[in-house]
Amino acid sequence: MLSSITIPQHCHLTSGGGTFLGVDLSSVACNVVSPQKIPDSTFSERTYYYVDLRVPSESAAAYGHTPHWTLFRSINGSAPQLYYVTAEPTSFTNISASGVSN
C-alpha cells in the first residue's frame, strides 16, 4: 500500500485533481522549488489534515502562501497561511493561522 510520496525536483504537476485522492498518505515531500498550482482535490482530506508537507527550506514561505498547498497540517513544521476565497477566484484575503492547535 502506498503511504509515502516524494515529488522530484524537476517534476511538473498536472492541473487535474484527484491524483492521490483515494490514498491516505503518511508522508509527502515535494522537492519542486517553486510551488505549482494544484487543485484542492489532489490529496485526500485525511492527508491534508494529518501530514506535514516537506519542501526545500528556501521554498517553505512560498508554499505557505500558495493556495491548496496550505491545506497541509504544516509545511516543514510550521503552520501555513490560510486563505479565504472571495467572489473572484483569483482574489484572496490572507487570514492568520496563529493560535490554531492541531
PDB file of N, CA and C in Angstrom:
ATOM      1  N   MET A   1       0.837  -1.173   0.000  1.00  0.00           N
ATOM      2  CA  MET A   1       0.000   0.000   0.000  1.00  0.00           C
ATOM      3  C   MET A   1       0.890   1.247   0.000  1.00  0.00           C
ATOM      4  N   LEU A   2       0.562   2.180  -0.841  1.00  0.00           N
ATOM      5  CA  LEU A   2       1.305   3.439  -0.919  1.00  0.00           C
ATOM      6  C   LEU A   2       1.025   4.276   0.327  1.00  0.00           C
ATOM      7  N   SER A   3       2.081   4.696   1.013  1.00  0.00           N
ATOM      8  CA  SER A   3       1.882   5.521   2.209  1.00  0.00           C
ATOM      9  C   SER A   3       2.743   6.776   2.199  1.00  0.00           C
ATOM     10  N   SER A   4       3.713   6.842   1.289  1.00  0.00           N
ATOM     11  CA  SER A   4       4.650   7.957   1.265  1.00  0.00           C
ATOM     12  C   SER A   4       4.982   8.313  -0.174  1.00  0.00           C
ATOM     13  N   ILE A   5       5.055   9.606  -0.469  1.00  0.00           N
ATOM     14  CA  ILE A   5       5.474  10.034  -1.810  1.00  0.00           C
ATOM     15  C   ILE A   5       6.529  11.130  -1.696  1.00  0.00           C
ATOM     16  N   THR A   6       7.422  11.148  -2.672  1.00  0.00           N
ATOM     17  CA  THR A   6       8.383  12.229  -2.834  1.00  0.00           C
ATOM     18  C   THR A   6       8.273  12.701  -4.273  1.00  0.00           C
ATOM     19  N   ILE A   7       7.927  13.961  -4.449  1.00  0.00           N
ATOM     20  CA  ILE A   7       7.804  14.539  -5.783  1.00  0.00           C
ATOM     21  C   ILE A   7       9.166  15.111  -6.142  1.00  0.00           C
ATOM     22  N   PRO A   8       9.780  14.606  -7.233  1.00  0.00           N
ATOM     23  CA  PRO A   8      11.139  15.042  -7.576  1.00  0.00           C
ATOM     24  C   PRO A   8      11.219  16.515  -7.981  1.00  0.00           C
ATOM     25  N   GLN A   9      12.411  17.066  -7.887  1.00  0.00           N
ATOM     26  CA  GLN A   9      12.653  18.489  -8.126  1.00  0.00           C
ATOM     27  C   GLN A   9      12.173  18.967  -9.493  1.00  0.00           C
ATOM     28  N   HIS A  10      12.370  18.201 -10.529  1.00  0.00           N
ATOM     29  CA  HIS A  10      12.035  18.666 -11.879  1.00  0.00           C
ATOM     30  C   HIS A  10      10.714  18.112 -12.390  1.00  0.00           C
ATOM     31  N   CYS A  11       9.859  17.720 -11.493  1.00  0.00           N
ATOM     32  CA  CYS A  11       8.550  17.177 -11.851  1.00  0.00           C
ATOM     33  C   CYS A  11       7.594  18.329 -12.157  1.00  0.00           C
ATOM     34  N   HIS A  12       6.786  18.153 -13.176  1.00  0.00           N
ATOM     35  CA  HIS A  12       5.738  19.129 -13.482  1.00  0.00           C
ATOM     36  C   HIS A  12       4.416  18.493 -13.096  1.00  0.00           C
ATOM     37  N   LEU A  13       3.734  19.072 -12.139  1.00  0.00           N
ATOM     38  CA  LEU A  13       2.457  18.539 -11.689  1.00  0.00           C
ATOM     39  C   LEU A  13       1.366  18.947 -12.662  1.00  0.00           C
ATOM     40  N   THR A  14       0.513  18.009 -13.019  1.00  0.00           N
ATOM     41  CA  THR A  14      -0.574  18.322 -13.938  1.00  0.00           C
ATOM     42  C   THR A  14      -1.685  19.044 -13.198  1.00  0.00           C
ATOM     43  N   SER A  15      -2.545  19.705 -13.930  1.00  0.00           N
ATOM     44  CA  SER A  15      -3.596  20.509 -13.312  1.00  0.00           C
ATOM     45  C   SER A  15      -4.813  19.683 -12.915  1.00  0.00           C
ATOM     46  N   GLY A  16      -4.885  18.422 -13.323  1.00  0.00           N
ATOM     47  CA  GLY A  16      -6.026  17.583 -12.966  1.00  0.00           C
ATOM     48  C   GLY A  16      -6.032  17.237 -11.496  1.00  0.00           C
ATOM     49  N   GLY A  17      -7.193  17.134 -10.908  1.00  0.00           N
ATOM     50  CA  GLY A  17      -7.298  16.810  -9.489  1.00  0.00           C
ATOM     51  C   GLY A  17      -7.445  15.322  -9.253  1.00  0.00           C
ATOM     52  N   GLY A  18      -7.390  14.942  -8.003  1.00  0.00           N
ATOM     53  CA  GLY A  18      -7.648  13.576  -7.609  1.00  0.00           C
ATOM     54  C   GLY A  18      -6.491  12.616  -7.728  1.00  0.00           C
ATOM     55  N   THR A  19      -5.289  13.107  -7.995  1.00  0.00           N
ATOM     56  CA  THR A  19      -4.136  12.239  -8.188  1.00  0.00           C
ATOM     57  C   THR A  19      -3.941  11.286  -7.022  1.00  0.00           C
ATOM     58  N   PHE A  20      -4.014  11.778  -5.796  1.00  0.00           N
ATOM     59  CA  PHE A  20      -3.831  10.956  -4.602  1.00  0.00           C
ATOM     60  C   PHE A  20      -5.077  11.005  -3.718  1.00  0.00           C
ATOM     61  N   LEU A  21      -6.224  11.270  -4.323  1.00  0.00           N
ATOM     62  CA  LEU A  21      -7.460  11.488  -3.576  1.00  0.00           C
ATOM     63  C   LEU A  21      -7.883  10.275  -2.759  1.00  0.00           C
ATOM     64  N   GLY A  22      -7.739   9.081  -3.271  1.00  0.00           N
ATOM     65  CA  GLY A  22      -8.171   7.881  -2.564  1.00  0.00           C
ATOM     66  C   GLY A  22      -7.095   7.254  -1.701  1.00  0.00           C
ATOM     67  N   VAL A  23      -5.968   7.945  -1.531  1.00  0.00           N
ATOM     68  CA  VAL A  23      -4.829   7.392  -0.789  1.00  0.00           C
ATOM     69  C   VAL A  23      -4.583   8.235   0.458  1.00  0.00           C
ATOM     70  N   ASP A  24      -4.579   7.580   1.609  1.00  0.00           N
ATOM     71  CA  ASP A  24      -4.261   8.284   2.854  1.00  0.00           C
ATOM     72  C   ASP A  24      -2.767   8.156   3.106  1.00  0.00           C
ATOM     73  N   LEU A  25      -2.044   9.192   2.734  1.00  0.00           N
ATOM     74  CA  LEU A  25      -0.585   9.184   2.857  1.00  0.00           C
ATOM     75  C   LEU A  25      -0.158   9.563   4.270  1.00  0.00           C
ATOM     76  N   SER A  26       0.989   9.059   4.681  1.00  0.00           N
ATOM     77  CA  SER A  26       1.538   9.440   5.981  1.00  0.00           C
ATOM     78  C   SER A  26       2.737  10.367   5.826  1.00  0.00           C
ATOM     79  N   SER A  27       3.222  10.520   4.591  1.00  0.00           N
ATOM     80  CA  SER A  27       4.385  11.367   4.335  1.00  0.00           C
ATOM     81  C   SER A  27       4.325  11.916   2.916  1.00  0.00           C
ATOM     82  N   VAL A  28       4.494  13.241   2.788  1.00  0.00           N
ATOM     83  CA  VAL A  28       4.541  13.889   1.476  1.00  0.00           C
ATOM     84  C   VAL A  28       5.725  14.847   1.470  1.00  0.00           C
ATOM     85  N   ALA A  29       6.622  14.638   0.511  1.00  0.00           N
ATOM     86  CA  ALA A  29       7.752  15.540   0.300  1.00  0.00           C
ATOM     87  C   ALA A  29       7.673  16.039  -1.132  1.00  0.00           C
ATOM     88  N   CYS A  30       7.856  17.320  -1.317  1.00  0.00           N
ATOM     89  CA  CYS A  30       7.844  17.904  -2.653  1.00  0.00           C
ATOM     90  C   CYS A  30       9.156  18.665  -2.836  1.00  0.00           C
ATOM     91  N   ASN A  31      10.007  18.183  -3.708  1.00  0.00           N
ATOM     92  CA  ASN A  31      11.321  18.795  -3.931  1.00  0.00           C
ATOM     93  C   ASN A  31      11.307  19.855  -5.023  1.00  0.00           C
ATOM     94  N   VAL A  32      10.128  20.207  -5.522  1.00  0.00           N
ATOM     95  CA  VAL A  32       9.995  21.261  -6.527  1.00  0.00           C
ATOM     96  C   VAL A  32      10.176  22.604  -5.815  1.00  0.00           C
ATOM     97  N   VAL A  33      11.108  23.426  -6.283  1.00  0.00           N
ATOM     98  CA  VAL A  33      11.453  24.673  -5.591  1.00  0.00           C
ATOM     99  C   VAL A  33      10.317  25.693  -5.637  1.00  0.00           C
ATOM    100  N   SER A  34       9.700  25.889  -6.800  1.00  0.00           N
ATOM    101  CA  SER A  34       8.595  26.844  -6.922  1.00  0.00           C
ATOM    102  C   SER A  34       7.271  26.098  -6.869  1.00  0.00           C
ATOM    103  N   PRO A  35       6.408  26.418  -5.898  1.00  0.00           N
ATOM    104  CA  PRO A  35       5.141  25.695  -5.790  1.00  0.00           C
ATOM    105  C   PRO A  35       4.294  25.862  -7.047  1.00  0.00           C
ATOM    106  N   GLN A  36       3.794  24.755  -7.538  1.00  0.00           N
ATOM    107  CA  GLN A  36       2.943  24.766  -8.723  1.00  0.00           C
ATOM    108  C   GLN A  36       1.486  24.774  -8.299  1.00  0.00           C
ATOM    109  N   LYS A  37       0.625  25.230  -9.199  1.00  0.00           N
ATOM    110  CA  LYS A  37      -0.806  25.235  -8.915  1.00  0.00           C
ATOM    111  C   LYS A  37      -1.309  23.794  -8.895  1.00  0.00           C
ATOM    112  N   ILE A  38      -2.043  23.476  -7.840  1.00  0.00           N
ATOM    113  CA  ILE A  38      -2.703  22.178  -7.747  1.00  0.00           C
ATOM    114  C   ILE A  38      -4.132  22.415  -7.284  1.00  0.00           C
ATOM    115  N   PRO A  39      -5.072  21.567  -7.704  1.00  0.00           N
ATOM    116  CA  PRO A  39      -6.433  21.692  -7.171  1.00  0.00           C
ATOM    117  C   PRO A  39      -6.493  21.128  -5.754  1.00  0.00           C
ATOM    118  N   ASP A  40      -7.463  21.563  -4.980  1.00  0.00           N
ATOM    119  CA  ASP A  40      -7.570  21.076  -3.605  1.00  0.00           C
ATOM    120  C   ASP A  40      -7.859  19.586  -3.534  1.00  0.00           C
ATOM    121  N   SER A  41      -8.307  18.992  -4.625  1.00  0.00           N
ATOM    122  CA  SER A  41      -8.640  17.568  -4.644  1.00  0.00           C
ATOM    123  C   SER A  41      -7.451  16.681  -5.015  1.00  0.00           C
ATOM    124  N   THR A  42      -6.244  17.224  -5.032  1.00  0.00           N
ATOM    125  CA  THR A  42      -5.065  16.421  -5.372  1.00  0.00           C
ATOM    126  C   THR A  42      -4.808  15.357  -4.320  1.00  0.00           C
ATOM    127  N   PHE A  43      -4.960  15.699  -3.044  1.00  0.00           N
ATOM    128  CA  PHE A  43      -4.726  14.777  -1.940  1.00  0.00           C
ATOM    129  C   PHE A  43      -6.021  14.593  -1.153  1.00  0.00           C
ATOM    130  N   SER A  44      -6.109  13.522  -0.376  1.00  0.00           N
ATOM    131  CA  SER A  44      -7.305  13.274   0.430  1.00  0.00           C
ATOM    132  C   SER A  44      -7.378  14.267   1.595  1.00  0.00           C
ATOM    133  N   GLU A  45      -8.584  14.475   2.105  1.00  0.00           N
ATOM    134  CA  GLU A  45      -8.752  15.367   3.266  1.00  0.00           C
ATOM    135  C   GLU A  45      -7.943  14.863   4.445  1.00  0.00           C
ATOM    136  N   ARG A  46      -7.883  13.563   4.630  1.00  0.00           N
ATOM    137  CA  ARG A  46      -7.116  12.978   5.735  1.00  0.00           C
ATOM    138  C   ARG A  46      -5.623  13.298   5.591  1.00  0.00           C
ATOM    139  N   THR A  47      -5.109  13.223   4.369  1.00  0.00           N
ATOM    140  CA  THR A  47      -3.705  13.547   4.132  1.00  0.00           C
ATOM    141  C   THR A  47      -3.449  15.014   4.472  1.00  0.00           C
ATOM    142  N   TYR A  48      -4.312  15.908   3.978  1.00  0.00           N
ATOM    143  CA  TYR A  48      -4.135  17.329   4.290  1.00  0.00           C
ATOM    144  C   TYR A  48      -4.166  17.573   5.802  1.00  0.00           C
ATOM    145  N   TYR A  49      -5.055  16.889   6.496  1.00  0.00           N
ATOM    146  CA  TYR A  49      -5.255  17.140   7.927  1.00  0.00           C
ATOM    147  C   TYR A  49      -4.109  16.623   8.797  1.00  0.00           C
ATOM    148  N   TYR A  50      -3.537  15.479   8.437  1.00  0.00           N
ATOM    149  CA  TYR A  50      -2.552  14.832   9.311  1.00  0.00           C
ATOM    150  C   TYR A  50      -1.090  14.956   8.881  1.00  0.00           C
ATOM    151  N   VAL A  51      -0.826  15.335   7.643  1.00  0.00           N
ATOM    152  CA  VAL A  51       0.548  15.256   7.130  1.00  0.00           C
ATOM    153  C   VAL A  51       1.262  16.599   7.150  1.00  0.00           C
ATOM    154  N   ASP A  52       2.525  16.546   7.566  1.00  0.00           N
ATOM    155  CA  ASP A  52       3.428  17.690   7.493  1.00  0.00           C
ATOM    156  C   ASP A  52       4.112  17.636   6.130  1.00  0.00           C
ATOM    157  N   LEU A  53       3.816  18.576   5.263  1.00  0.00           N
ATOM    158  CA  LEU A  53       4.440  18.651   3.942  1.00  0.00           C
ATOM    159  C   LEU A  53       5.903  19.056   4.105  1.00  0.00           C
ATOM    160  N   ARG A  54       6.791  18.350   3.446  1.00  0.00           N
ATOM    161  CA  ARG A  54       8.224  18.674   3.458  1.00  0.00           C
ATOM    162  C   ARG A  54       8.602  19.229   2.093  1.00  0.00           C
ATOM    163  N   VAL A  55       9.200  20.421   2.097  1.00  0.00           N
ATOM    164  CA  VAL A  55       9.629  21.097   0.873  1.00  0.00           C
ATOM    165  C   VAL A  55      11.043  21.627   1.095  1.00  0.00           C
ATOM    166  N   PRO A  56      11.748  22.051   0.022  1.00  0.00           N
ATOM    167  CA  PRO A  56      13.075  22.656   0.228  1.00  0.00           C
ATOM    168  C   PRO A  56      12.957  23.850   1.182  1.00  0.00           C
ATOM    169  N   SER A  57      13.912  23.994   2.090  1.00  0.00           N
ATOM    170  CA  SER A  57      13.823  25.040   3.114  1.00  0.00           C
ATOM    171  C   SER A  57      13.667  26.442   2.519  1.00  0.00           C
ATOM    172  N   GLU A  58      14.323  26.690   1.394  1.00  0.00           N
ATOM    173  CA  GLU A  58      14.212  28.011   0.769  1.00  0.00           C
ATOM    174  C   GLU A  58      12.843  28.255   0.131  1.00  0.00           C
ATOM    175  N   SER A  59      12.015  27.215   0.041  1.00  0.00           N
ATOM    176  CA  SER A  59      10.702  27.313  -0.598  1.00  0.00           C
ATOM    177  C   SER A  59       9.547  27.301   0.388  1.00  0.00           C
ATOM    178  N   ALA A  60       9.825  27.079   1.670  1.00  0.00           N
ATOM    179  CA  ALA A  60       8.759  26.917   2.662  1.00  0.00           C
ATOM    180  C   ALA A  60       7.807  28.113   2.695  1.00  0.00           C
ATOM    181  N   ALA A  61       8.327  29.317   2.668  1.00  0.00           N
ATOM    182  CA  ALA A  61       7.462  30.509   2.706  1.00  0.00           C
ATOM    183  C   ALA A  61       6.574  30.576   1.472  1.00  0.00           C
ATOM    184  N   ALA A  62       7.115  30.265   0.315  1.00  0.00           N
ATOM    185  CA  ALA A  62       6.320  30.293  -0.925  1.00  0.00           C
ATOM    186  C   ALA A  62       5.193  29.264  -0.871  1.00  0.00           C
ATOM    187  N   TYR A  63       5.487  28.049  -0.414  1.00  0.00           N
ATOM    188  CA  TYR A  63       4.437  27.030  -0.273  1.00  0.00           C
ATOM    189  C   TYR A  63       3.408  27.458   0.763  1.00  0.00           C
ATOM    190  N   GLY A  64       3.871  28.132   1.808  1.00  0.00           N
ATOM    191  CA  GLY A  64       2.979  28.591   2.866  1.00  0.00           C
ATOM    192  C   GLY A  64       2.052  29.708   2.460  1.00  0.00           C
ATOM    193  N   HIS A  65       2.240  30.253   1.263  1.00  0.00           N
ATOM    194  CA  HIS A  65       1.376  31.310   0.744  1.00  0.00           C
ATOM    195  C   HIS A  65       0.713  30.909  -0.565  1.00  0.00           C
ATOM    196  N   THR A  66       0.789  29.635  -0.927  1.00  0.00           N
ATOM    197  CA  THR A  66       0.218  29.172  -2.191  1.00  0.00           C
ATOM    198  C   THR A  66      -1.024  28.327  -1.912  1.00  0.00           C
ATOM    199  N   PRO A  67      -2.184  28.782  -2.418  1.00  0.00           N
ATOM    200  CA  PRO A  67      -3.423  28.044  -2.167  1.00  0.00           C
ATOM    201  C   PRO A  67      -3.292  26.549  -2.476  1.00  0.00           C
ATOM    202  N   HIS A  68      -3.968  25.767  -1.701  1.00  0.00           N
ATOM    203  CA  HIS A  68      -4.062  24.312  -1.748  1.00  0.00           C
ATOM    204  C   HIS A  68      -2.852  23.623  -1.148  1.00  0.00           C
ATOM    205  N   TRP A  69      -1.650  24.154  -1.283  1.00  0.00           N
ATOM    206  CA  TRP A  69      -0.525  23.604  -0.524  1.00  0.00           C
ATOM    207  C   TRP A  69      -0.725  23.956   0.948  1.00  0.00           C
ATOM    208  N   THR A  70      -1.437  25.036   1.196  1.00  0.00           N
ATOM    209  CA  THR A  70      -1.681  25.480   2.566  1.00  0.00           C
ATOM    210  C   THR A  70      -2.681  24.589   3.305  1.00  0.00           C
ATOM    211  N   LEU A  71      -3.282  23.644   2.610  1.00  0.00           N
ATOM    212  CA  LEU A  71      -4.231  22.738   3.254  1.00  0.00           C
ATOM    213  C   LEU A  71      -3.532  21.700   4.128  1.00  0.00           C
ATOM    214  N   PHE A  72      -2.229  21.505   3.920  1.00  0.00           N
ATOM    215  CA  PHE A  72      -1.494  20.543   4.736  1.00  0.00           C
ATOM    216  C   PHE A  72      -1.434  21.018   6.184  1.00  0.00           C
ATOM    217  N   ARG A  73      -1.354  20.064   7.089  1.00  0.00           N
ATOM    218  CA  ARG A  73      -1.285  20.359   8.523  1.00  0.00           C
ATOM    219  C   ARG A  73      -0.192  21.370   8.825  1.00  0.00           C
ATOM    220  N   SER A  74       0.972  21.159   8.227  1.00  0.00           N
ATOM    221  CA  SER A  74       2.072  22.100   8.381  1.00  0.00           C
ATOM    222  C   SER A  74       3.010  21.948   7.188  1.00  0.00           C
ATOM    223  N   ILE A  75       3.870  22.930   7.032  1.00  0.00           N
ATOM    224  CA  ILE A  75       4.883  22.910   5.973  1.00  0.00           C
ATOM    225  C   ILE A  75       6.226  23.056   6.671  1.00  0.00           C
ATOM    226  N   ASN A  76       7.033  22.016   6.575  1.00  0.00           N
ATOM    227  CA  ASN A  76       8.325  21.959   7.283  1.00  0.00           C
ATOM    228  C   ASN A  76       8.159  22.270   8.775  1.00  0.00           C
ATOM    229  N   GLY A  77       7.034  21.850   9.338  1.00  0.00           N
ATOM    230  CA  GLY A  77       6.804  22.010  10.770  1.00  0.00           C
ATOM    231  C   GLY A  77       6.125  23.300  11.188  1.00  0.00           C
ATOM    232  N   SER A  78       5.873  24.221  10.259  1.00  0.00           N
ATOM    233  CA  SER A  78       5.219  25.493  10.588  1.00  0.00           C
ATOM    234  C   SER A  78       3.828  25.538   9.969  1.00  0.00           C
ATOM    235  N   ALA A  79       2.886  26.128  10.691  1.00  0.00           N
ATOM    236  CA  ALA A  79       1.523  26.256  10.177  1.00  0.00           C
ATOM    237  C   ALA A  79       1.506  27.168   8.953  1.00  0.00           C
ATOM    238  N   PRO A  80       0.863  26.745   7.870  1.00  0.00           N
ATOM    239  CA  PRO A  80       0.782  27.586   6.671  1.00  0.00           C
ATOM    240  C   PRO A  80      -0.231  28.709   6.853  1.00  0.00           C
ATOM    241  N   GLN A  81      -0.194  29.673   5.950  1.00  0.00           N
ATOM    242  CA  GLN A  81      -1.193  30.736   5.917  1.00  0.00           C
ATOM    243  C   GLN A  81      -2.500  30.140   5.426  1.00  0.00           C
ATOM    244  N   LEU A  82      -3.617  30.677   5.890  1.00  0.00           N
ATOM    245  CA  LEU A  82      -4.924  30.239   5.410  1.00  0.00           C
ATOM    246  C   LEU A  82      -5.488  31.327   4.513  1.00  0.00           C
ATOM    247  N   TYR A  83      -6.228  30.927   3.508  1.00  0.00           N
ATOM    248  CA  TYR A  83      -6.791  31.887   2.576  1.00  0.00           C
ATOM    249  C   TYR A  83      -8.297  31.734   2.505  1.00  0.00           C
ATOM    250  N   TYR A  84      -8.977  32.843   2.422  1.00  0.00           N
ATOM    251  CA  TYR A  84     -10.413  32.879   2.224  1.00  0.00           C
ATOM    252  C   TYR A  84     -10.646  33.325   0.783  1.00  0.00           C
ATOM    253  N   VAL A  85     -11.355  32.527   0.015  1.00  0.00           N
ATOM    254  CA  VAL A  85     -11.603  32.846  -1.387  1.00  0.00           C
ATOM    255  C   VAL A  85     -12.843  33.717  -1.471  1.00  0.00           C
ATOM    256  N   THR A  86     -12.705  34.882  -2.116  1.00  0.00           N
ATOM    257  CA  THR A  86     -13.837  35.791  -2.286  1.00  0.00           C
ATOM    258  C   THR A  86     -14.557  35.468  -3.591  1.00  0.00           C
ATOM    259  N   ALA A  87     -15.478  36.323  -4.008  1.00  0.00           N
ATOM    260  CA  ALA A  87     -16.268  36.089  -5.222  1.00  0.00           C
ATOM    261  C   ALA A  87     -15.391  35.903  -6.459  1.00  0.00           C
ATOM    262  N   GLU A  88     -14.290  36.600  -6.532  1.00  0.00           N
ATOM    263  CA  GLU A  88     -13.359  36.444  -7.641  1.00  0.00           C
ATOM    264  C   GLU A  88     -12.405  35.305  -7.309  1.00  0.00           C
ATOM    265  N   PRO A  89     -12.315  34.258  -8.140  1.00  0.00           N
ATOM    266  CA  PRO A  89     -11.470  33.117  -7.797  1.00  0.00           C
ATOM    267  C   PRO A  89      -9.985  33.440  -7.686  1.00  0.00           C
ATOM    268  N   THR A  90      -9.543  34.573  -8.216  1.00  0.00           N
ATOM    269  CA  THR A  90      -8.130  34.925  -8.118  1.00  0.00           C
ATOM    270  C   THR A  90      -7.871  35.914  -6.995  1.00  0.00           C
ATOM    271  N   SER A  91      -8.872  36.205  -6.194  1.00  0.00           N
ATOM    272  CA  SER A  91      -8.730  37.167  -5.116  1.00  0.00           C
ATOM    273  C   SER A  91      -8.731  36.438  -3.772  1.00  0.00           C
ATOM    274  N   PHE A  92      -7.725  36.707  -2.938  1.00  0.00           N
ATOM    275  CA  PHE A  92      -7.619  36.063  -1.643  1.00  0.00           C
ATOM    276  C   PHE A  92      -7.441  37.106  -0.556  1.00  0.00           C
ATOM    277  N   THR A  93      -8.026  36.844   0.572  1.00  0.00           N
ATOM    278  CA  THR A  93      -7.815  37.662   1.749  1.00  0.00           C
ATOM    279  C   THR A  93      -7.028  36.797   2.721  1.00  0.00           C
ATOM    280  N   ASN A  94      -5.869  37.255   3.112  1.00  0.00           N
ATOM    281  CA  ASN A  94      -4.998  36.476   3.998  1.00  0.00           C
ATOM    282  C   ASN A  94      -5.578  36.457   5.405  1.00  0.00           C
ATOM    283  N   ILE A  95      -5.692  35.249   5.947  1.00  0.00           N
ATOM    284  CA  ILE A  95      -6.198  35.059   7.307  1.00  0.00           C
ATOM    285  C   ILE A  95      -5.095  34.412   8.115  1.00  0.00           C
ATOM    286  N   SER A  96      -4.732  34.983   9.224  1.00  0.00           N
ATOM    287  CA  SER A  96      -3.643  34.459  10.041  1.00  0.00           C
ATOM    288  C   SER A  96      -4.033  33.123  10.658  1.00  0.00           C
ATOM    289  N   ALA A  97      -3.056  32.203  10.714  1.00  0.00           N
ATOM    290  CA  ALA A  97      -3.300  30.883  11.299  1.00  0.00           C
ATOM    291  C   ALA A  97      -2.700  30.776  12.690  1.00  0.00           C
ATOM    292  N   SER A  98      -2.235  31.869  13.266  1.00  0.00           N
ATOM    293  CA  SER A  98      -1.635  31.776  14.586  1.00  0.00           C
ATOM    294  C   SER A  98      -2.684  31.414  15.628  1.00  0.00           C
ATOM    295  N   GLY A  99      -2.267  30.641  16.606  1.00  0.00           N
ATOM    296  CA  GLY A  99      -3.172  30.233  17.653  1.00  0.00           C
ATOM    297  C   GLY A  99      -4.001  29.008  17.329  1.00  0.00           C
ATOM    298  N   VAL A 100      -3.820  28.448  16.154  1.00  0.00           N
ATOM    299  CA  VAL A 100      -4.571  27.254  15.762  1.00  0.00           C
ATOM    300  C   VAL A 100      -3.841  26.053  16.308  1.00  0.00           C
ATOM    301  N   SER A 101      -4.554  25.211  17.023  1.00  0.00           N
ATOM    302  CA  SER A 101      -3.909  23.999  17.550  1.00  0.00           C
ATOM    303  C   SER A 101      -4.263  22.816  16.672  1.00  0.00           C
ATOM    304  N   ASN A 102      -3.350  21.867  16.600  1.00  0.00           N
ATOM    305  CA  ASN A 102      -3.564  20.677  15.767  1.00  0.00           C
ATOM    306  C   ASN A 102      -4.081  19.543  16.585  1.00  0.00           C
TER     307      ASN A 102
END
